[in-house]
């Protein structure tokens, strides 16, 4: 569910008409619904009711300061994967003891940053990382709380580029070697083993891979406890999918996901962490664009928008589907026209959809991309020297610009011409 609905024939974000935002900030722009963010967080809270737990929002899905601060106000922790994300979380007021640091390539500088500023835990992904973290913590006179990310060799049945739990993926330590690596961790100074971490992929639409992976984690928990390790926390990652294509069967609900967690690891007496990102922010955002031209080709019509692949790269990068709807509600039974929906970037890959049926569109008409709140703005760029587009947050009948569009001078003045040129 989201809070983007037609009211009096115009698509609204909560109680704000999208043309009103377009008139104020120009197009294209991203718009986020605070009510949807809140609702999606709450459904995870409800799903884990009865368990000692913390929901750590995966910031990589949308790391705007306003979004982070809103999530923190609801009681969320944060899952970060870089020093920059750690800085963002702290700047938004998130205390260090509610920040989990994930990622396969943490540097010594990032480790020191988190140890100095406070950290809930590091999710360690390799033996070299264990050694490095031990050295940094010992040098600083700190103790680093850690889980070790295990790779359970489970096929998440998702897109090749976002699967993370198979043996050929770069993430984690093979679960068959986990006991050996935990022995190493326990022998190193400056480290405190507190639990196990697992994450098998993103945009999962089937609960069975979760169940298989979590059963393996339960078995490992018993084995590690038998080895003398104190396993008090299980970080189960994120990855539950969202319905990008409304006409398809919806993915499982967070409540059903919570039942899998309770059934597989709920009796271990561990605190449970999950790290949802896409399911919280994805359907909480739209990308709104204007039609520049309707171009009639030899065998198809092109809808040329002012948004491009640099603004939303998911279709070009993943072949991803986004439902697209006109901002002005079409009349019931309006005739549909197939369009190739494209942007102005000089790449054939700058194509959002091919032969997508829409009501007849004209120059200046607004179109909204649904499910664009996750991995949209955070993956955008200034390719073709196109400015990053504004981000807007809505709360009821109010809206605020939470990232302004930079000017061309802003962009150009970040560069420096050497004196010898």
Protein backbone atom coordinates (compact mmCIF):
# COMPACT_ATOMS: atom_id res chain seq x y z
CA UNK A 1 0.00 0.00 0.00
CA UNK A 2 1.11 3.56 -0.65
CA UNK A 3 -0.34 7.04 -0.33
CA UNK A 4 -0.28 8.02 -4.03
CA UNK A 5 -3.87 8.14 -5.20
CA UNK A 6 -6.01 9.96 -7.75
CA UNK A 7 -8.21 12.64 -6.19
CA UNK A 8 -10.58 14.61 -8.39
CA UNK A 9 -8.79 13.24 -11.43
CA UNK A 10 -5.26 14.27 -10.36
CA UNK A 11 -2.59 12.01 -8.86
CA UNK A 12 -1.70 13.14 -5.33
CA UNK A 13 1.11 12.40 -2.90
CA UNK A 14 -0.92 12.13 0.28
CA UNK A 15 -2.93 15.40 0.12
CA UNK A 16 -0.65 17.30 -2.28
CA UNK A 17 -1.40 17.36 -6.01
CA UNK A 18 1.66 16.43 -8.06
CA UNK A 19 1.20 19.33 -10.52
CA UNK A 20 1.55 21.68 -7.54
CA UNK A 21 4.99 20.24 -6.76
CA UNK A 22 5.95 20.30 -10.44
CA UNK A 23 5.07 23.99 -10.66
CA UNK A 24 7.22 24.73 -7.59
CA UNK A 25 10.37 22.68 -8.33
CA UNK A 26 10.20 21.80 -12.02
CA UNK A 27 10.47 18.33 -13.50
CA UNK A 28 11.79 15.74 -13.19
CA UNK A 29 11.70 15.25 -9.42
CA UNK A 30 11.40 12.52 -6.79
CA UNK A 31 8.64 12.74 -4.21
CA UNK A 32 8.41 10.65 -1.02
CA UNK A 33 5.42 10.04 1.23
CA UNK A 34 6.23 10.16 4.94
CA UNK A 35 2.98 8.32 5.71
CA UNK A 36 4.04 5.41 3.49
CA UNK A 37 7.49 5.24 5.09
CA UNK A 38 5.81 5.11 8.49
CA UNK A 39 3.35 2.43 7.47
CA UNK A 40 6.00 0.19 5.95
CA UNK A 41 8.15 0.43 9.06
CA UNK A 42 5.17 -0.39 11.25
CA UNK A 43 4.26 -3.54 9.31
CA UNK A 44 7.72 -4.92 10.07
CA UNK A 45 7.30 -3.98 13.73
CA UNK A 46 4.01 -5.85 13.77
CA UNK A 47 5.55 -8.84 12.00
CA UNK A 48 8.25 -9.23 14.68
CA UNK A 49 5.97 -8.56 17.65
CA UNK A 50 6.85 -10.87 20.52
CA UNK A 51 10.51 -11.12 19.56
CA UNK A 52 13.37 -9.07 20.98
CA UNK A 53 14.29 -7.22 17.80
CA UNK A 54 15.62 -4.14 16.05
CA UNK A 55 14.68 -3.06 12.53
CA UNK A 56 17.74 -1.48 10.92
CA UNK A 57 16.76 0.49 7.83
CA UNK A 58 19.09 -0.32 4.92
CA UNK A 59 20.21 3.20 4.01
CA UNK A 60 21.61 2.20 0.64
CA UNK A 61 18.04 2.11 -0.69
CA UNK A 62 17.48 5.83 0.01
CA UNK A 63 19.92 7.85 2.10
CA UNK A 64 18.42 11.33 1.98
CA UNK A 65 18.89 12.99 5.37
CA UNK A 66 15.15 13.64 5.72
CA UNK A 67 14.33 9.98 5.09
CA UNK A 68 16.98 8.81 7.58
CA UNK A 69 15.77 11.25 10.23
CA UNK A 70 12.17 10.19 9.68
CA UNK A 71 13.07 6.52 10.06
CA UNK A 72 15.10 7.24 13.19
CA UNK A 73 12.13 9.09 14.69
CA UNK A 74 10.13 5.88 14.34
CA UNK A 75 12.73 3.93 16.32
CA UNK A 76 14.65 2.37 13.45
CA UNK A 77 18.32 1.52 13.62
CA UNK A 78 20.46 1.91 10.49
CA UNK A 79 22.36 -0.53 8.31
CA UNK A 80 25.28 1.27 6.63
CA UNK A 81 27.78 0.02 4.06
CA UNK A 82 30.28 2.88 3.87
CA UNK A 83 31.91 5.60 5.90
CA UNK A 84 29.77 8.11 4.04
CA UNK A 85 26.58 6.35 5.08
CA UNK A 86 27.85 6.21 8.66
CA UNK A 87 28.41 9.99 8.56
CA UNK A 88 24.91 10.47 7.13
CA UNK A 89 23.32 8.37 9.87
CA UNK A 90 25.13 10.24 12.63
CA UNK A 91 24.32 13.62 11.03
CA UNK A 92 20.64 12.67 11.04
CA UNK A 93 20.81 12.04 14.78
CA UNK A 94 21.13 8.25 14.84
CA UNK A 95 23.18 7.12 17.87
CA UNK A 96 26.13 4.85 17.17
CA UNK A 97 24.68 1.99 19.19
CA UNK A 98 21.85 1.73 16.67
CA UNK A 99 24.12 1.54 13.59
CA UNK A 100 25.18 -1.76 12.01
CA UNK A 101 28.16 -1.61 9.63
CA UNK A 102 27.91 -4.09 6.73
CA UNK A 103 29.84 -4.48 3.48
CA UNK A 104 32.69 -6.57 2.07
CA UNK A 105 35.34 -3.86 1.79
CA UNK A 106 35.51 -1.83 5.00
CA UNK A 107 38.74 0.15 5.20
CA UNK A 108 40.80 0.75 8.32
CA UNK A 109 39.69 4.39 8.21
CA UNK A 110 36.02 3.38 8.16
CA UNK A 111 36.56 0.95 11.03
CA UNK A 112 38.25 3.65 13.11
CA UNK A 113 35.47 6.11 12.28
CA UNK A 114 32.80 3.75 13.59
CA UNK A 115 34.79 2.67 16.65
CA UNK A 116 35.36 6.29 17.61
CA UNK A 117 31.80 7.44 16.94
CA UNK A 118 30.05 4.37 18.31
CA UNK A 119 28.77 1.23 16.64
CA UNK A 120 26.25 -1.48 17.37
CA UNK A 121 28.23 -4.12 15.50
CA UNK A 122 30.39 -4.81 12.49
CA UNK A 123 29.12 -7.54 10.16
CA UNK A 124 32.48 -9.04 9.18
CA UNK A 125 32.74 -10.76 5.80
CA UNK A 126 36.23 -12.27 5.57
CA UNK A 127 39.25 -13.41 7.56
CA UNK A 128 41.42 -10.51 6.32
CA UNK A 129 38.72 -8.14 7.56
CA UNK A 130 38.76 -9.85 10.97
CA UNK A 131 42.52 -9.34 11.17
CA UNK A 132 42.28 -5.71 10.10
CA UNK A 133 39.47 -4.88 12.52
CA UNK A 134 41.38 -6.52 15.37
CA UNK A 135 44.45 -4.42 14.59
CA UNK A 136 42.46 -1.18 14.41
CA UNK A 137 40.50 -1.86 17.60
CA UNK A 138 43.60 -2.89 19.54
CA UNK A 139 45.49 0.21 18.40
CA UNK A 140 42.60 2.40 19.56
CA UNK A 141 42.10 0.58 22.84
CA UNK A 142 38.55 -0.35 21.79
CA UNK A 143 36.54 -3.55 21.58
CA UNK A 144 34.68 -4.12 18.32
CA UNK A 145 31.40 -6.07 18.64
CA UNK A 146 31.09 -8.38 15.64
CA UNK A 147 28.92 -10.85 13.86
CA UNK A 148 30.36 -12.89 11.02
CA UNK A 149 28.41 -12.97 7.79
CA UNK A 150 27.98 -16.52 6.61
CA UNK A 151 27.21 -17.46 3.03
CA UNK A 152 24.67 -20.31 3.18
CA UNK A 153 24.85 -21.14 -0.54
CA UNK A 154 21.12 -20.52 -1.03
CA UNK A 155 19.75 -19.36 -4.36
CA UNK A 156 17.49 -16.40 -3.62
CA UNK A 157 15.78 -16.75 -7.05
CA UNK A 158 16.20 -13.08 -7.76
CA UNK A 159 18.06 -10.99 -10.36
CA UNK A 160 21.62 -12.14 -11.00
CA UNK A 161 23.05 -8.76 -9.99
CA UNK A 162 21.36 -8.66 -6.58
CA UNK A 163 21.80 -12.28 -5.43
CA UNK A 164 24.25 -12.44 -2.51
CA UNK A 165 23.90 -15.83 -0.81
CA UNK A 166 25.33 -18.31 -3.32
CA UNK A 167 28.82 -19.76 -3.05
CA UNK A 168 29.90 -17.90 -6.21
CA UNK A 169 28.86 -14.52 -4.77
CA UNK A 170 31.44 -12.22 -3.16
CA UNK A 171 29.64 -11.95 0.15
CA UNK A 172 30.33 -13.67 3.45
CA UNK A 173 32.24 -16.74 4.60
CA UNK A 174 31.18 -20.22 3.41
CA UNK A 175 28.95 -21.60 6.12
CA UNK A 176 30.90 -24.87 6.07
CA UNK A 177 33.95 -22.96 7.35
CA UNK A 178 32.10 -20.84 9.89
CA UNK A 179 33.21 -22.72 13.03
CA UNK A 180 36.84 -22.41 11.99
CA UNK A 181 36.51 -18.67 11.35
CA UNK A 182 34.65 -18.09 14.64
CA UNK A 183 37.57 -19.80 16.44
CA UNK A 184 39.91 -17.34 14.75
CA UNK A 185 37.72 -14.40 15.74
CA UNK A 186 37.63 -15.51 19.37
CA UNK A 187 41.43 -15.67 19.45
CA UNK A 188 41.98 -12.13 18.17
CA UNK A 189 42.34 -9.16 20.53
CA UNK A 190 39.93 -6.25 20.33
CA UNK A 191 36.99 -8.32 19.02
CA UNK A 192 33.84 -9.49 20.80
CA UNK A 193 31.79 -12.14 19.02
CA UNK A 194 28.09 -11.46 19.61
CA UNK A 195 26.24 -13.21 16.81
CA UNK A 196 25.73 -14.37 13.24
CA UNK A 197 24.86 -12.41 10.11
CA UNK A 198 23.26 -13.66 6.88
CA UNK A 199 21.81 -11.92 3.83
CA UNK A 200 20.95 -13.83 0.66
CA UNK A 201 19.80 -11.17 -1.79
CA UNK A 202 17.37 -8.44 -2.70
CA UNK A 203 13.87 -8.33 -4.21
CA UNK A 204 12.94 -11.85 -3.09
CA UNK A 205 9.39 -12.82 -4.01
CA UNK A 206 9.41 -16.29 -2.42
CA UNK A 207 9.83 -17.10 1.27
CA UNK A 208 11.37 -20.55 0.78
CA UNK A 209 14.97 -19.28 0.31
CA UNK A 210 14.66 -17.35 3.58
CA UNK A 211 13.42 -20.46 5.36
CA UNK A 212 16.28 -22.60 4.03
CA UNK A 213 18.89 -20.00 4.98
CA UNK A 214 17.48 -19.33 8.45
CA UNK A 215 17.32 -23.05 9.27
CA UNK A 216 21.02 -23.24 8.44
CA UNK A 217 21.64 -20.26 10.74
CA UNK A 218 19.73 -22.05 13.53
CA UNK A 219 21.90 -25.14 13.12
CA UNK A 220 25.03 -23.00 13.15
CA UNK A 221 23.86 -21.21 16.30
CA UNK A 222 23.65 -24.52 18.17
CA UNK A 223 27.06 -25.61 16.86
CA UNK A 224 28.78 -22.34 17.81
CA UNK A 225 27.26 -22.36 21.27
CA UNK A 226 28.55 -25.91 21.70
CA UNK A 227 31.99 -24.53 20.77
CA UNK A 228 31.73 -22.01 23.60
CA UNK A 229 30.74 -18.88 21.65
CA UNK A 230 28.10 -16.56 23.05
CA UNK A 231 25.61 -16.12 20.22
CA UNK A 232 23.08 -13.57 21.42
CA UNK A 233 22.15 -11.76 18.20
CA UNK A 234 21.08 -12.90 14.73
CA UNK A 235 21.24 -10.40 11.89
CA UNK A 236 18.98 -11.89 9.21
CA UNK A 237 19.49 -9.20 6.57
CA UNK A 238 16.75 -7.87 4.34
CA UNK A 239 15.66 -8.57 0.80
CA UNK A 240 11.88 -8.96 0.87
CA UNK A 241 10.56 -7.82 -2.51
CA UNK A 242 7.98 -5.21 -3.49
CA UNK A 243 5.33 -5.32 -6.25
CA UNK A 244 6.93 -3.27 -9.03
CA UNK A 245 4.39 -4.54 -11.56
CA UNK A 246 0.94 -4.10 -10.05
CA UNK A 247 -0.63 -6.60 -12.44
CA UNK A 248 1.57 -9.43 -11.13
CA UNK A 249 1.08 -11.52 -8.00
CA UNK A 250 2.21 -9.54 -4.96
CA UNK A 251 5.29 -10.74 -3.05
CA UNK A 252 4.80 -12.22 0.44
CA UNK A 253 3.78 -9.83 3.19
CA UNK A 254 6.10 -8.83 6.05
CA UNK A 255 3.73 -10.65 8.43
CA UNK A 256 4.36 -13.91 6.53
CA UNK A 257 8.10 -13.19 6.56
CA UNK A 258 7.92 -12.65 10.32
CA UNK A 259 6.29 -16.05 10.72
CA UNK A 260 9.25 -17.64 8.91
CA UNK A 261 11.63 -15.93 11.32
CA UNK A 262 9.65 -17.05 14.37
CA UNK A 263 9.37 -20.60 13.05
CA UNK A 264 13.07 -21.03 12.22
CA UNK A 265 15.02 -19.02 14.81
CA UNK A 266 12.44 -17.66 17.21
CA UNK A 267 13.18 -20.23 19.92
CA UNK A 268 16.94 -19.54 20.14
CA UNK A 269 16.68 -16.71 22.66
CA UNK A 270 18.53 -14.32 20.37
CA UNK A 271 17.84 -10.70 19.62
CA UNK A 272 16.74 -10.50 15.97
CA UNK A 273 17.88 -7.80 13.57
CA UNK A 274 16.49 -7.34 10.08
CA UNK A 275 17.65 -4.81 7.49
CA UNK A 276 14.79 -3.91 5.14
CA UNK A 277 15.42 -1.12 2.67
CA UNK A 278 13.51 -1.55 -0.58
CA UNK A 279 10.26 -2.61 1.09
CA UNK A 280 10.31 0.48 3.31
CA UNK A 281 11.34 3.12 0.78
CA UNK A 282 10.50 1.62 -2.62
CA UNK A 283 6.76 2.19 -2.82
CA UNK A 284 7.11 5.36 -0.73
CA UNK A 285 8.47 7.27 -3.72
CA UNK A 286 7.58 8.39 -7.23
CA UNK A 287 9.67 9.85 -10.04
CA UNK A 288 7.62 12.50 -11.85
CA UNK A 289 8.64 13.61 -15.35
CA UNK A 290 7.26 15.76 -18.17
CA UNK A 291 6.76 14.75 -21.77
CA UNK A 292 9.10 16.75 -24.03
CA UNK A 293 8.00 15.25 -27.37
CA UNK A 294 5.80 12.54 -28.78
CA UNK A 295 7.84 11.25 -31.72
CA UNK A 296 6.27 9.11 -34.43
CA UNK A 297 8.75 6.54 -35.71
CA UNK A 298 8.45 4.15 -38.63
CA UNK A 299 6.91 1.33 -36.61
CA UNK A 300 6.40 2.80 -33.16
CA UNK A 301 5.76 5.97 -31.19
CA UNK A 302 8.28 7.33 -28.71
CA UNK A 303 7.40 9.21 -25.56
CA UNK A 304 10.47 11.38 -24.91
CA UNK A 305 10.64 12.52 -21.28
CA UNK A 306 12.79 15.04 -19.43
CA UNK A 307 13.85 12.23 -17.02
CA UNK A 308 16.66 9.96 -18.14
CA UNK A 309 18.74 6.96 -17.19
CA UNK A 310 21.00 9.16 -15.08
CA UNK A 311 17.96 9.97 -12.91
CA UNK A 312 16.65 6.39 -12.68
CA UNK A 313 19.14 3.78 -13.84
CA UNK A 314 17.29 0.63 -12.77
CA UNK A 315 15.64 -0.09 -16.15
CA UNK A 316 18.94 0.36 -18.03
CA UNK A 317 21.01 -1.54 -15.43
CA UNK A 318 18.66 -4.36 -14.43
CA UNK A 319 15.99 -4.36 -17.13
CA UNK A 320 13.72 -3.33 -14.26
CA UNK A 321 10.01 -2.68 -14.62
CA UNK A 322 8.34 0.39 -13.14
CA UNK A 323 4.62 0.96 -13.51
CA UNK A 324 4.09 4.33 -15.19
CA UNK A 325 0.86 6.30 -14.96
CA UNK A 326 -0.31 9.70 -16.25
CA UNK A 327 -0.69 12.29 -13.51
CA UNK A 328 -4.06 13.30 -14.98
CA UNK A 329 -6.37 10.34 -14.51
CA UNK A 330 -7.55 8.91 -17.83
CA UNK A 331 -11.24 8.55 -18.49
CA UNK A 332 -12.68 5.08 -17.88
CA UNK A 333 -12.12 2.93 -20.93
CA UNK A 334 -9.73 5.42 -22.53
CA UNK A 335 -7.99 3.99 -25.58
CA UNK A 336 -4.43 2.79 -24.90
CA UNK A 337 -1.44 3.55 -27.12
CA UNK A 338 1.84 1.58 -27.04
CA UNK A 339 4.88 3.82 -26.54
CA UNK A 340 8.61 3.31 -26.21
CA UNK A 341 9.26 5.53 -23.18
CA UNK A 342 12.72 7.08 -23.37
CA UNK A 343 14.89 9.88 -22.04
CA UNK A 344 17.12 12.48 -23.74
CA UNK A 345 20.52 10.94 -22.85
CA UNK A 346 22.63 9.97 -25.88
CA UNK A 347 22.46 6.22 -25.23
CA UNK A 348 20.10 3.66 -26.71
CA UNK A 349 20.08 2.20 -23.21
CA UNK A 350 18.25 5.32 -22.03
CA UNK A 351 14.96 3.49 -22.39
CA UNK A 352 12.52 3.07 -19.51
CA UNK A 353 10.06 0.77 -21.29
CA UNK A 354 9.23 -0.58 -24.72
CA UNK A 355 5.73 -0.77 -26.13
CA UNK A 356 4.16 0.22 -22.83
CA UNK A 357 0.43 0.93 -23.11
CA UNK A 358 -0.69 4.35 -21.90
CA UNK A 359 -3.55 6.69 -22.74
CA UNK A 360 -2.67 9.11 -25.54
CA UNK A 361 -0.01 11.51 -24.23
CA UNK A 362 0.90 15.02 -25.41
CA UNK A 363 3.78 17.44 -24.92
CA UNK A 364 3.85 18.79 -21.38
CA UNK A 365 1.86 15.92 -19.89
CA UNK A 366 3.18 14.63 -16.55
CA UNK A 367 3.92 10.96 -15.99
CA UNK A 368 4.71 9.24 -12.68
CA UNK A 369 7.01 6.24 -12.22
CA UNK A 370 5.76 4.17 -9.31
CA UNK A 371 7.96 2.28 -6.83
CA UNK A 372 10.86 4.68 -7.39
CA UNK A 373 11.74 5.48 -3.77
CA UNK A 374 14.45 2.82 -3.52
CA UNK A 375 17.62 2.77 -5.62
CA UNK A 376 16.46 5.78 -7.60
CA UNK A 377 17.96 9.01 -6.32
CA UNK A 378 20.82 7.19 -4.56
CA UNK A 379 22.03 5.66 -7.84
CA UNK A 380 21.59 8.79 -9.93
CA UNK A 381 24.42 10.69 -11.60
CA UNK A 382 25.19 13.82 -13.60
CA UNK A 383 25.90 11.95 -16.83
CA UNK A 384 25.61 14.24 -19.87
CA UNK A 385 26.07 17.10 -17.34
CA UNK A 386 22.45 16.76 -16.29
CA UNK A 387 21.90 18.14 -12.76
CA UNK A 388 20.74 15.80 -10.02
CA UNK A 389 17.00 16.21 -9.71
CA UNK A 390 15.16 17.54 -6.65
CA UNK A 391 13.85 15.29 -3.90
CA UNK A 392 10.65 16.31 -2.14
CA UNK A 393 8.97 14.91 0.99
CA UNK A 394 5.25 15.15 1.64
CA UNK A 395 3.53 15.10 5.01
CA UNK A 396 -0.25 15.36 4.70
CA UNK A 397 -0.97 18.59 2.84
CA UNK A 398 2.58 19.93 3.22
CA UNK A 399 5.65 19.37 1.09
CA UNK A 400 9.28 20.38 1.42
CA UNK A 401 12.27 20.21 -0.91
CA UNK A 402 14.75 17.88 0.85
CA UNK A 403 17.42 18.09 -1.86
CA UNK A 404 17.47 21.01 -4.28
CA UNK A 405 18.43 20.79 -7.93
CA UNK A 406 21.99 22.20 -8.31
CA UNK A 407 22.61 24.95 -10.82
CA UNK A 408 24.94 24.48 -13.77
CA UNK A 409 27.40 26.79 -12.01
CA UNK A 410 27.26 24.53 -8.94
CA UNK A 411 28.20 21.58 -11.11
CA UNK A 412 30.92 23.33 -13.08
CA UNK A 413 32.53 24.99 -10.09
CA UNK A 414 33.24 21.64 -8.46
CA UNK A 415 35.89 21.15 -11.15
CA UNK A 416 39.30 22.81 -11.08
CA UNK A 417 41.37 23.66 -14.17
CA UNK A 418 45.12 23.13 -13.53
CA UNK A 419 47.36 26.19 -13.79
CA UNK A 420 49.27 24.69 -16.73
CA UNK A 421 46.20 24.54 -18.98
